[in-house]
Amino acid sequence: GHGLQSPAGGSPQPCAPGLEEFASRSTLHGIHHIFAHGPYMGRHLLWTLAFLGSLGLLLHVYAERVAYYVQYPHNTQLEEETTPHAAFPAVTLCNLNRARFSQLTGHDLYWAGELLGLLDSAHQPLAPEALETLAGKLALSPEEQRRPFDLLELYRHVQRQPLPNRECSAPIPGRAGGAPGEGLAGLGGTDDT
């Protein structure tokens, strides 16, 4: 009931207006046993102790976890396993140079080496790693040096042959790092793919 009640033939008496009603409608476990109307004081006391004990345990665990959190703990575990016979993943490194430098002739280098960025104006290799590859091709006879330059011939020597039915970015099964002797920068290697 709410407020005051009038028993039959008597004066109005106070009852627990809000707390008992709140406890009877609450979904908080056990609270309706604490505030239930009735003569069982021992039972009410046990439910009160159980409720307060549970609430105290909850607050203790909560405070402990908050204290642990503000310490910013970290735990790093690292396990290392070695595998003696691991299969190497198939990786294809595509040489994105537009020219196959292994196909350049001494004549091509003499006339277009500076244009391709391989030689300086004195016909000396610019990149030290290309020195061995290019040095042998630079020894031209005077007749070779006088022969006119043919750009179409240079193009035929260095044009890249695409892999059949494959894009360069697509993986090629069975290849690990490309063919033997394939140069990554194109200057020191012999990339014929």
N, C-alpha and C. Protein backbone atom coordinates (compact mmCIF):
# COMPACT_ATOMS: atom_id res chain seq x y z
N GLY A 1 0.80 -1.18 0.00
CA GLY A 1 0.00 0.00 0.00
C GLY A 1 0.84 1.24 0.00
N HIS A 2 0.15 2.35 -0.23
CA HIS A 2 0.80 3.65 -0.25
C HIS A 2 0.30 4.46 0.92
N GLY A 3 1.21 5.12 1.61
CA GLY A 3 0.83 6.06 2.66
C GLY A 3 0.21 5.38 3.87
N LEU A 4 -0.94 5.89 4.26
CA LEU A 4 -1.59 5.39 5.45
C LEU A 4 -2.72 4.46 5.07
N GLN A 5 -2.92 3.45 5.92
CA GLN A 5 -4.02 2.53 5.70
C GLN A 5 -4.96 2.57 6.91
N SER A 6 -6.18 2.39 6.64
CA SER A 6 -7.15 2.34 7.73
C SER A 6 -7.62 0.92 7.88
N PRO A 7 -7.22 0.26 8.95
CA PRO A 7 -7.76 -1.08 9.15
C PRO A 7 -9.25 -0.99 9.49
N ALA A 8 -9.91 -2.07 9.30
CA ALA A 8 -11.34 -2.06 9.55
C ALA A 8 -11.64 -1.70 11.00
N GLY A 9 -12.35 -0.61 11.15
CA GLY A 9 -12.75 -0.18 12.48
C GLY A 9 -11.63 0.44 13.29
N GLY A 10 -10.53 0.90 12.72
CA GLY A 10 -9.45 1.46 13.51
C GLY A 10 -8.91 2.74 12.91
N SER A 11 -7.90 3.28 13.57
CA SER A 11 -7.28 4.51 13.10
C SER A 11 -6.19 4.20 12.07
N PRO A 12 -5.81 5.20 11.24
CA PRO A 12 -4.78 4.96 10.23
C PRO A 12 -3.44 4.65 10.88
N GLN A 13 -2.67 3.65 10.26
CA GLN A 13 -1.35 3.26 10.75
C GLN A 13 -0.33 3.41 9.62
N PRO A 14 0.89 3.82 9.97
CA PRO A 14 1.92 3.94 8.93
C PRO A 14 2.42 2.57 8.50
N CYS A 15 2.81 2.43 7.23
CA CYS A 15 3.46 1.22 6.72
C CYS A 15 4.65 1.65 5.90
N ALA A 16 5.47 0.70 5.47
CA ALA A 16 6.67 1.03 4.67
C ALA A 16 6.22 1.36 3.27
N PRO A 17 6.05 2.64 2.96
CA PRO A 17 5.45 2.98 1.67
C PRO A 17 6.34 2.71 0.46
N GLY A 18 7.54 3.28 0.39
CA GLY A 18 8.32 3.19 -0.84
C GLY A 18 9.34 2.08 -0.88
N LEU A 19 9.99 1.82 0.22
CA LEU A 19 11.08 0.85 0.24
C LEU A 19 10.58 -0.57 0.03
N GLU A 20 9.49 -0.93 0.65
CA GLU A 20 8.94 -2.27 0.49
C GLU A 20 8.45 -2.48 -0.94
N GLU A 21 7.83 -1.46 -1.50
CA GLU A 21 7.35 -1.57 -2.89
C GLU A 21 8.53 -1.66 -3.86
N PHE A 22 9.58 -0.84 -3.61
CA PHE A 22 10.77 -0.90 -4.47
C PHE A 22 11.41 -2.29 -4.41
N ALA A 23 11.52 -2.84 -3.18
CA ALA A 23 12.14 -4.16 -3.01
C ALA A 23 11.32 -5.25 -3.68
N SER A 24 10.00 -5.13 -3.65
CA SER A 24 9.17 -6.17 -4.26
C SER A 24 9.22 -6.14 -5.79
N ARG A 25 9.53 -4.97 -6.36
CA ARG A 25 9.59 -4.85 -7.82
C ARG A 25 11.02 -4.93 -8.37
N SER A 26 12.00 -4.90 -7.51
CA SER A 26 13.40 -4.88 -7.95
C SER A 26 13.84 -6.26 -8.45
N THR A 27 14.73 -6.25 -9.44
CA THR A 27 15.30 -7.50 -9.95
C THR A 27 16.65 -7.79 -9.29
N LEU A 28 17.06 -6.94 -8.34
CA LEU A 28 18.31 -7.16 -7.62
C LEU A 28 18.09 -8.35 -6.70
N HIS A 29 18.87 -9.40 -6.92
CA HIS A 29 18.62 -10.68 -6.26
C HIS A 29 18.71 -10.56 -4.74
N GLY A 30 17.68 -11.00 -4.05
CA GLY A 30 17.66 -11.07 -2.60
C GLY A 30 17.12 -9.85 -1.90
N ILE A 31 17.01 -8.73 -2.58
CA ILE A 31 16.59 -7.50 -1.89
C ILE A 31 15.14 -7.57 -1.43
N HIS A 32 14.31 -8.29 -2.15
CA HIS A 32 12.91 -8.37 -1.71
C HIS A 32 12.78 -9.21 -0.44
N HIS A 33 13.75 -10.11 -0.15
CA HIS A 33 13.73 -10.87 1.10
C HIS A 33 14.15 -10.00 2.29
N ILE A 34 14.96 -9.00 2.04
CA ILE A 34 15.43 -8.14 3.12
C ILE A 34 14.31 -7.23 3.61
N PHE A 35 13.56 -6.66 2.66
CA PHE A 35 12.54 -5.68 3.02
C PHE A 35 11.12 -6.24 3.00
N ALA A 36 11.00 -7.56 2.98
CA ALA A 36 9.67 -8.16 2.97
C ALA A 36 8.97 -7.91 4.31
N HIS A 37 7.66 -7.72 4.24
CA HIS A 37 6.87 -7.46 5.44
C HIS A 37 6.56 -8.81 6.08
N GLY A 38 6.89 -8.97 7.33
CA GLY A 38 6.59 -10.23 8.01
C GLY A 38 7.34 -10.37 9.31
N PRO A 39 7.02 -11.41 10.08
CA PRO A 39 7.59 -11.58 11.41
C PRO A 39 8.96 -12.27 11.44
N TYR A 40 9.54 -12.60 10.32
CA TYR A 40 10.76 -13.40 10.31
C TYR A 40 12.00 -12.52 10.38
N MET A 41 12.33 -11.99 11.54
CA MET A 41 13.47 -11.09 11.69
C MET A 41 14.80 -11.82 11.46
N GLY A 42 14.92 -13.05 11.89
CA GLY A 42 16.16 -13.82 11.69
C GLY A 42 16.43 -14.02 10.20
N ARG A 43 15.39 -14.31 9.46
CA ARG A 43 15.52 -14.51 8.01
C ARG A 43 15.93 -13.21 7.33
N HIS A 44 15.31 -12.10 7.72
CA HIS A 44 15.66 -10.79 7.15
C HIS A 44 17.12 -10.45 7.45
N LEU A 45 17.55 -10.78 8.68
CA LEU A 45 18.93 -10.50 9.07
C LEU A 45 19.92 -11.33 8.23
N LEU A 46 19.63 -12.60 8.02
CA LEU A 46 20.52 -13.45 7.19
C LEU A 46 20.59 -12.93 5.75
N TRP A 47 19.46 -12.56 5.19
CA TRP A 47 19.47 -12.02 3.82
C TRP A 47 20.22 -10.69 3.76
N THR A 48 20.10 -9.88 4.79
CA THR A 48 20.82 -8.61 4.84
C THR A 48 22.32 -8.86 4.89
N LEU A 49 22.76 -9.80 5.74
CA LEU A 49 24.18 -10.13 5.83
C LEU A 49 24.70 -10.71 4.50
N ALA A 50 23.93 -11.59 3.87
CA ALA A 50 24.36 -12.18 2.59
C ALA A 50 24.46 -11.10 1.51
N PHE A 51 23.49 -10.20 1.48
CA PHE A 51 23.50 -9.13 0.48
C PHE A 51 24.68 -8.19 0.70
N LEU A 52 24.90 -7.76 1.95
CA LEU A 52 26.01 -6.86 2.25
C LEU A 52 27.36 -7.54 2.03
N GLY A 53 27.47 -8.83 2.35
CA GLY A 53 28.71 -9.57 2.09
C GLY A 53 29.01 -9.66 0.60
N SER A 54 27.99 -9.95 -0.19
CA SER A 54 28.18 -10.01 -1.65
C SER A 54 28.54 -8.65 -2.22
N LEU A 55 27.87 -7.61 -1.73
CA LEU A 55 28.18 -6.25 -2.18
C LEU A 55 29.61 -5.86 -1.80
N GLY A 56 30.03 -6.22 -0.57
CA GLY A 56 31.39 -5.93 -0.12
C GLY A 56 32.42 -6.67 -0.96
N LEU A 57 32.15 -7.95 -1.27
CA LEU A 57 33.07 -8.72 -2.12
C LEU A 57 33.16 -8.12 -3.52
N LEU A 58 32.04 -7.70 -4.07
CA LEU A 58 32.03 -7.06 -5.39
C LEU A 58 32.86 -5.78 -5.38
N LEU A 59 32.67 -4.95 -4.36
CA LEU A 59 33.42 -3.70 -4.27
C LEU A 59 34.91 -3.96 -4.06
N HIS A 60 35.26 -4.98 -3.29
CA HIS A 60 36.67 -5.33 -3.07
C HIS A 60 37.34 -5.76 -4.39
N VAL A 61 36.69 -6.65 -5.12
CA VAL A 61 37.25 -7.12 -6.40
C VAL A 61 37.33 -5.97 -7.39
N TYR A 62 36.32 -5.13 -7.42
CA TYR A 62 36.32 -3.97 -8.31
C TYR A 62 37.49 -3.03 -7.98
N ALA A 63 37.67 -2.72 -6.69
CA ALA A 63 38.77 -1.84 -6.28
C ALA A 63 40.12 -2.46 -6.62
N GLU A 64 40.26 -3.77 -6.42
CA GLU A 64 41.51 -4.46 -6.74
C GLU A 64 41.81 -4.38 -8.24
N ARG A 65 40.83 -4.58 -9.07
CA ARG A 65 41.03 -4.52 -10.53
C ARG A 65 41.36 -3.11 -10.99
N VAL A 66 40.71 -2.10 -10.41
CA VAL A 66 41.01 -0.71 -10.76
C VAL A 66 42.44 -0.37 -10.37
N ALA A 67 42.86 -0.81 -9.17
CA ALA A 67 44.24 -0.55 -8.73
C ALA A 67 45.23 -1.25 -9.66
N TYR A 68 44.93 -2.45 -10.10
CA TYR A 68 45.80 -3.17 -11.03
C TYR A 68 45.85 -2.46 -12.38
N TYR A 69 44.73 -1.94 -12.83
CA TYR A 69 44.67 -1.26 -14.12
C TYR A 69 45.50 0.02 -14.13
N VAL A 70 45.43 0.80 -13.05
CA VAL A 70 46.16 2.07 -13.03
C VAL A 70 47.67 1.86 -12.87
N GLN A 71 48.12 0.64 -12.60
CA GLN A 71 49.56 0.35 -12.58
C GLN A 71 50.10 0.17 -14.00
N TYR A 72 49.24 0.06 -15.00
CA TYR A 72 49.60 -0.17 -16.40
C TYR A 72 50.54 -1.37 -16.55
N PRO A 73 50.12 -2.52 -16.07
CA PRO A 73 51.00 -3.69 -16.18
C PRO A 73 51.08 -4.18 -17.62
N HIS A 74 52.18 -4.82 -17.94
CA HIS A 74 52.31 -5.44 -19.25
C HIS A 74 53.03 -6.76 -19.09
N ASN A 75 52.63 -7.68 -19.90
CA ASN A 75 53.22 -9.01 -19.87
C ASN A 75 53.46 -9.42 -21.31
N THR A 76 54.71 -9.62 -21.65
CA THR A 76 55.05 -10.02 -23.01
C THR A 76 55.66 -11.41 -22.96
N GLN A 77 55.06 -12.30 -23.68
CA GLN A 77 55.60 -13.65 -23.75
C GLN A 77 56.03 -13.91 -25.18
N LEU A 78 57.21 -14.44 -25.33
CA LEU A 78 57.76 -14.71 -26.65
C LEU A 78 58.23 -16.14 -26.69
N GLU A 79 57.74 -16.86 -27.66
CA GLU A 79 58.19 -18.23 -27.86
C GLU A 79 58.86 -18.31 -29.22
N GLU A 80 60.03 -18.91 -29.24
CA GLU A 80 60.76 -19.04 -30.49
C GLU A 80 60.89 -20.52 -30.82
N GLU A 81 60.50 -20.86 -32.00
CA GLU A 81 60.64 -22.23 -32.46
C GLU A 81 61.43 -22.22 -33.75
N THR A 82 62.37 -23.12 -33.85
CA THR A 82 63.14 -23.24 -35.09
C THR A 82 62.65 -24.46 -35.85
N THR A 83 62.53 -24.28 -37.13
CA THR A 83 62.11 -25.37 -38.00
C THR A 83 63.24 -25.64 -38.97
N PRO A 84 63.87 -26.80 -38.87
CA PRO A 84 65.04 -27.05 -39.73
C PRO A 84 64.70 -27.21 -41.21
N HIS A 85 63.52 -27.67 -41.52
CA HIS A 85 63.20 -27.93 -42.93
C HIS A 85 61.95 -27.18 -43.34
N ALA A 86 61.99 -25.86 -43.26
CA ALA A 86 60.85 -25.04 -43.67
C ALA A 86 60.92 -24.79 -45.17
N ALA A 87 59.80 -24.92 -45.83
CA ALA A 87 59.75 -24.66 -47.27
C ALA A 87 59.83 -23.16 -47.49
N PHE A 88 60.72 -22.72 -48.35
CA PHE A 88 60.87 -21.31 -48.64
C PHE A 88 59.67 -20.85 -49.47
N PRO A 89 59.05 -19.75 -49.11
CA PRO A 89 57.88 -19.31 -49.88
C PRO A 89 58.27 -18.89 -51.30
N ALA A 90 57.41 -19.17 -52.22
CA ALA A 90 57.66 -18.79 -53.61
C ALA A 90 57.47 -17.29 -53.76
N VAL A 91 58.53 -16.61 -54.13
CA VAL A 91 58.51 -15.16 -54.29
C VAL A 91 59.05 -14.84 -55.67
N THR A 92 58.37 -13.99 -56.39
CA THR A 92 58.85 -13.53 -57.68
C THR A 92 59.18 -12.06 -57.57
N LEU A 93 60.42 -11.73 -57.84
CA LEU A 93 60.83 -10.33 -57.86
C LEU A 93 60.84 -9.88 -59.30
N CYS A 94 59.98 -8.97 -59.63
CA CYS A 94 59.89 -8.50 -61.00
C CYS A 94 60.86 -7.35 -61.21
N ASN A 95 61.65 -7.45 -62.22
CA ASN A 95 62.55 -6.37 -62.58
C ASN A 95 61.73 -5.38 -63.40
N LEU A 96 61.52 -4.20 -62.86
CA LEU A 96 60.67 -3.22 -63.51
C LEU A 96 61.43 -2.32 -64.47
N ASN A 97 62.72 -2.61 -64.70
CA ASN A 97 63.46 -1.85 -65.70
C ASN A 97 62.86 -2.15 -67.07
N ARG A 98 62.76 -1.13 -67.88
CA ARG A 98 62.14 -1.32 -69.19
C ARG A 98 63.10 -1.98 -70.16
N ALA A 99 64.39 -1.99 -69.85
CA ALA A 99 65.37 -2.52 -70.79
C ALA A 99 66.06 -3.74 -70.20
N ARG A 100 66.43 -4.69 -71.07
CA ARG A 100 67.23 -5.84 -70.66
C ARG A 100 68.69 -5.46 -70.88
N PHE A 101 69.37 -5.08 -69.84
CA PHE A 101 70.72 -4.57 -69.96
C PHE A 101 71.71 -5.66 -70.36
N SER A 102 71.36 -6.90 -70.13
CA SER A 102 72.27 -7.98 -70.52
C SER A 102 72.36 -8.09 -72.04
N GLN A 103 71.41 -7.54 -72.76
CA GLN A 103 71.41 -7.64 -74.21
C GLN A 103 72.07 -6.44 -74.90
N LEU A 104 72.50 -5.45 -74.13
CA LEU A 104 73.16 -4.29 -74.73
C LEU A 104 74.50 -4.71 -75.33
N THR A 105 74.77 -4.24 -76.50
CA THR A 105 76.07 -4.49 -77.14
C THR A 105 77.00 -3.32 -76.81
N GLY A 106 78.27 -3.52 -77.11
CA GLY A 106 79.22 -2.43 -76.91
C GLY A 106 78.86 -1.22 -77.74
N HIS A 107 78.35 -1.45 -78.95
CA HIS A 107 77.94 -0.36 -79.82
C HIS A 107 76.78 0.42 -79.20
N ASP A 108 75.81 -0.32 -78.64
CA ASP A 108 74.68 0.33 -77.96
C ASP A 108 75.17 1.18 -76.79
N LEU A 109 76.10 0.63 -76.01
CA LEU A 109 76.62 1.37 -74.87
C LEU A 109 77.39 2.60 -75.31
N TYR A 110 78.15 2.47 -76.38
CA TYR A 110 78.96 3.59 -76.85
C TYR A 110 78.08 4.77 -77.22
N TRP A 111 76.98 4.50 -77.92
CA TRP A 111 76.12 5.57 -78.40
C TRP A 111 75.03 5.98 -77.40
N ALA A 112 74.48 5.03 -76.65
CA ALA A 112 73.33 5.35 -75.79
C ALA A 112 73.61 5.14 -74.30
N GLY A 113 74.83 4.79 -73.92
CA GLY A 113 75.15 4.54 -72.51
C GLY A 113 74.89 5.74 -71.62
N GLU A 114 75.25 6.93 -72.10
CA GLU A 114 75.02 8.14 -71.31
C GLU A 114 73.53 8.45 -71.24
N LEU A 115 72.82 8.24 -72.34
CA LEU A 115 71.38 8.47 -72.39
C LEU A 115 70.63 7.53 -71.44
N LEU A 116 71.11 6.29 -71.31
CA LEU A 116 70.48 5.32 -70.42
C LEU A 116 70.91 5.49 -68.96
N GLY A 117 71.84 6.40 -68.71
CA GLY A 117 72.30 6.63 -67.34
C GLY A 117 73.30 5.61 -66.86
N LEU A 118 73.94 4.89 -67.79
CA LEU A 118 74.92 3.88 -67.42
C LEU A 118 76.35 4.41 -67.47
N LEU A 119 76.60 5.37 -68.35
CA LEU A 119 77.95 5.90 -68.55
C LEU A 119 77.94 7.41 -68.37
N ASP A 120 79.11 7.92 -67.97
CA ASP A 120 79.25 9.38 -67.92
C ASP A 120 79.69 9.89 -69.29
N SER A 121 79.96 11.17 -69.39
CA SER A 121 80.32 11.74 -70.70
C SER A 121 81.67 11.23 -71.20
N ALA A 122 82.50 10.67 -70.33
CA ALA A 122 83.80 10.10 -70.74
C ALA A 122 83.67 8.61 -71.02
N HIS A 123 82.45 8.09 -71.13
CA HIS A 123 82.15 6.67 -71.40
C HIS A 123 82.68 5.75 -70.30
N GLN A 124 82.61 6.22 -69.05
CA GLN A 124 82.98 5.40 -67.89
C GLN A 124 81.70 5.03 -67.14
N PRO A 125 81.60 3.79 -66.64
CA PRO A 125 80.38 3.38 -65.91
C PRO A 125 80.14 4.25 -64.68
N LEU A 126 78.88 4.62 -64.48
CA LEU A 126 78.49 5.45 -63.34
C LEU A 126 78.31 4.63 -62.07
N ALA A 127 77.81 3.44 -62.20
CA ALA A 127 77.55 2.60 -61.03
C ALA A 127 78.67 1.59 -60.86
N PRO A 128 79.30 1.53 -59.68
CA PRO A 128 80.40 0.59 -59.48
C PRO A 128 80.00 -0.87 -59.67
N GLU A 129 78.76 -1.21 -59.30
CA GLU A 129 78.33 -2.61 -59.46
C GLU A 129 78.17 -2.99 -60.93
N ALA A 130 78.05 -2.01 -61.80
CA ALA A 130 77.91 -2.30 -63.23
C ALA A 130 79.26 -2.29 -63.95
N LEU A 131 80.32 -1.95 -63.24
CA LEU A 131 81.63 -1.80 -63.87
C LEU A 131 82.08 -3.09 -64.55
N GLU A 132 81.99 -4.21 -63.85
CA GLU A 132 82.47 -5.47 -64.42
C GLU A 132 81.65 -5.86 -65.65
N THR A 133 80.34 -5.71 -65.56
CA THR A 133 79.48 -6.11 -66.68
C THR A 133 79.70 -5.23 -67.89
N LEU A 134 79.84 -3.94 -67.67
CA LEU A 134 79.92 -3.00 -68.79
C LEU A 134 81.34 -2.84 -69.33
N ALA A 135 82.35 -3.04 -68.49
CA ALA A 135 83.72 -2.76 -68.92
C ALA A 135 84.12 -3.60 -70.13
N GLY A 136 83.74 -4.85 -70.15
CA GLY A 136 84.10 -5.71 -71.29
C GLY A 136 83.41 -5.30 -72.57
N LYS A 137 82.24 -4.74 -72.47
CA LYS A 137 81.50 -4.35 -73.67
C LYS A 137 81.97 -3.01 -74.22
N LEU A 138 82.71 -2.25 -73.43
CA LEU A 138 83.12 -0.92 -73.87
C LEU A 138 84.38 -0.94 -74.73
N ALA A 139 85.05 -2.06 -74.83
CA ALA A 139 86.27 -2.13 -75.65
C ALA A 139 85.85 -2.29 -77.11
N LEU A 140 85.68 -1.17 -77.81
CA LEU A 140 85.24 -1.17 -79.21
C LEU A 140 86.41 -0.84 -80.13
N SER A 141 86.37 -1.45 -81.27
CA SER A 141 87.37 -1.12 -82.29
C SER A 141 87.00 0.23 -82.91
N PRO A 142 87.97 0.90 -83.55
CA PRO A 142 87.64 2.18 -84.20
C PRO A 142 86.54 2.04 -85.25
N GLU A 143 86.48 0.89 -85.93
CA GLU A 143 85.42 0.68 -86.92
C GLU A 143 84.04 0.66 -86.25
N GLU A 144 83.96 -0.03 -85.11
CA GLU A 144 82.68 -0.09 -84.38
C GLU A 144 82.27 1.31 -83.91
N GLN A 145 83.23 2.09 -83.47
CA GLN A 145 82.91 3.43 -82.98
C GLN A 145 82.42 4.33 -84.10
N ARG A 146 82.87 4.10 -85.35
CA ARG A 146 82.45 4.94 -86.48
C ARG A 146 81.10 4.50 -87.05
N ARG A 147 80.70 3.28 -86.77
CA ARG A 147 79.43 2.80 -87.31
C ARG A 147 78.29 3.65 -86.75
N PRO A 148 77.34 4.08 -87.59
CA PRO A 148 76.25 4.94 -87.12
C PRO A 148 75.35 4.21 -86.13
N PHE A 149 74.77 5.00 -85.30
CA PHE A 149 73.88 4.47 -84.26
C PHE A 149 72.51 4.19 -84.86
N ASP A 150 71.93 3.03 -84.53
CA ASP A 150 70.61 2.64 -85.02
C ASP A 150 69.70 2.44 -83.79
N LEU A 151 68.77 3.36 -83.60
CA LEU A 151 67.88 3.31 -82.44
C LEU A 151 66.98 2.08 -82.49
N LEU A 152 66.54 1.67 -83.67
CA LEU A 152 65.70 0.48 -83.79
C LEU A 152 66.47 -0.77 -83.37
N GLU A 153 67.75 -0.83 -83.72
CA GLU A 153 68.58 -1.97 -83.30
C GLU A 153 68.70 -1.99 -81.77
N LEU A 154 68.90 -0.82 -81.15
CA LEU A 154 68.96 -0.74 -79.69
C LEU A 154 67.65 -1.22 -79.09
N TYR A 155 66.55 -0.79 -79.64
CA TYR A 155 65.24 -1.18 -79.13
C TYR A 155 65.06 -2.69 -79.20
N ARG A 156 65.46 -3.31 -80.31
CA ARG A 156 65.34 -4.76 -80.44
C ARG A 156 66.22 -5.49 -79.43
N HIS A 157 67.38 -4.92 -79.12
CA HIS A 157 68.27 -5.58 -78.16
C HIS A 157 67.72 -5.55 -76.74
N VAL A 158 67.12 -4.45 -76.39
CA VAL A 158 66.75 -4.28 -74.98
C VAL A 158 65.27 -4.45 -74.68
N GLN A 159 64.44 -4.62 -75.69
CA GLN A 159 63.01 -4.71 -75.39
C GLN A 159 62.73 -5.96 -74.57
N ARG A 160 61.90 -5.79 -73.60
CA ARG A 160 61.58 -6.86 -72.65
C ARG A 160 60.53 -7.78 -73.26
N GLN A 161 60.78 -9.07 -73.12
CA GLN A 161 59.81 -10.06 -73.57
C GLN A 161 58.92 -10.41 -72.37
N PRO A 162 57.63 -10.13 -72.45
CA PRO A 162 56.77 -10.42 -71.31
C PRO A 162 56.62 -11.93 -71.10
N LEU A 163 56.36 -12.29 -69.87
CA LEU A 163 56.09 -13.69 -69.57
C LEU A 163 54.75 -14.05 -70.20
N PRO A 164 54.63 -15.23 -70.77
CA PRO A 164 53.38 -15.59 -71.45
C PRO A 164 52.20 -15.64 -70.49
N ASN A 165 51.15 -14.90 -70.85
CA ASN A 165 49.88 -14.88 -70.11
C ASN A 165 50.04 -14.49 -68.64
N ARG A 166 51.03 -13.68 -68.32
CA ARG A 166 51.23 -13.31 -66.92
C ARG A 166 51.55 -11.83 -66.80
N GLU A 167 51.00 -11.24 -65.74
CA GLU A 167 51.37 -9.88 -65.36
C GLU A 167 52.60 -9.98 -64.48
N CYS A 168 53.39 -8.94 -64.46
CA CYS A 168 54.59 -8.96 -63.64
C CYS A 168 54.26 -9.01 -62.16
N SER A 169 53.14 -8.44 -61.76
CA SER A 169 52.81 -8.41 -60.35
C SER A 169 52.19 -9.71 -59.86
N ALA A 170 51.80 -10.61 -60.78
CA ALA A 170 51.18 -11.86 -60.38
C ALA A 170 52.25 -12.84 -59.93
N PRO A 171 51.97 -13.64 -58.88
CA PRO A 171 52.96 -14.61 -58.43
C PRO A 171 53.14 -15.73 -59.45
N ILE A 172 54.36 -16.19 -59.60
CA ILE A 172 54.66 -17.28 -60.51
C ILE A 172 55.05 -18.48 -59.65
N PRO A 173 54.23 -19.52 -59.60
CA PRO A 173 54.53 -20.66 -58.73
C PRO A 173 55.86 -21.32 -59.10
N GLY A 174 56.57 -21.75 -58.08
CA GLY A 174 57.80 -22.49 -58.32
C GLY A 174 59.03 -21.62 -58.46
N ARG A 175 58.88 -20.29 -58.46
CA ARG A 175 60.05 -19.42 -58.59
C ARG A 175 60.33 -18.77 -57.25
N ALA A 176 61.55 -18.79 -56.84
CA ALA A 176 61.95 -18.12 -55.61
C ALA A 176 63.02 -17.12 -55.95
N GLY A 177 62.65 -15.86 -56.12
CA GLY A 177 63.62 -14.82 -56.38
C GLY A 177 63.96 -14.66 -57.84
N GLY A 178 63.32 -15.35 -58.73
CA GLY A 178 63.59 -15.18 -60.15
C GLY A 178 64.62 -16.16 -60.66
N ALA A 179 64.94 -16.02 -61.91
CA ALA A 179 65.89 -16.92 -62.56
C ALA A 179 67.30 -16.62 -62.09
N PRO A 180 68.20 -17.61 -62.15
CA PRO A 180 69.58 -17.36 -61.76
C PRO A 180 70.18 -16.26 -62.61
N GLY A 181 70.89 -15.35 -61.97
CA GLY A 181 71.55 -14.26 -62.69
C GLY A 181 70.65 -13.09 -62.96
N GLU A 182 69.41 -13.13 -62.46
CA GLU A 182 68.49 -12.02 -62.72
C GLU A 182 68.85 -10.87 -61.81
N GLY A 183 69.12 -9.72 -62.39
CA GLY A 183 69.54 -8.56 -61.60
C GLY A 183 68.35 -7.81 -61.06
N LEU A 184 68.45 -7.34 -59.82
CA LEU A 184 67.35 -6.59 -59.23
C LEU A 184 67.32 -5.16 -59.72
N ALA A 185 68.47 -4.55 -59.87
CA ALA A 185 68.49 -3.17 -60.32
C ALA A 185 68.69 -3.07 -61.82
N GLY A 186 69.04 -4.13 -62.46
CA GLY A 186 69.21 -4.13 -63.91
C GLY A 186 70.59 -3.72 -64.34
N LEU A 187 71.39 -3.15 -63.47
CA LEU A 187 72.70 -2.69 -63.90
C LEU A 187 73.74 -3.80 -63.83
N GLY A 188 73.72 -4.58 -62.78
CA GLY A 188 74.77 -5.57 -62.62
C GLY A 188 74.33 -6.96 -63.02
N GLY A 189 73.05 -7.16 -63.26
CA GLY A 189 72.57 -8.50 -63.54
C GLY A 189 72.33 -8.73 -65.01
N THR A 190 71.82 -9.90 -65.29
CA THR A 190 71.50 -10.26 -66.67
C THR A 190 70.05 -10.67 -66.73
N ASP A 191 69.17 -9.72 -66.67
CA ASP A 191 67.74 -10.01 -66.63
C ASP A 191 67.22 -10.17 -68.05
N ASP A 192 66.89 -11.40 -68.40
CA ASP A 192 66.41 -11.67 -69.75
C ASP A 192 64.94 -12.02 -69.77
N THR A 193 64.24 -11.86 -68.65
CA THR A 193 62.81 -12.20 -68.64
C THR A 193 61.97 -10.99 -68.89
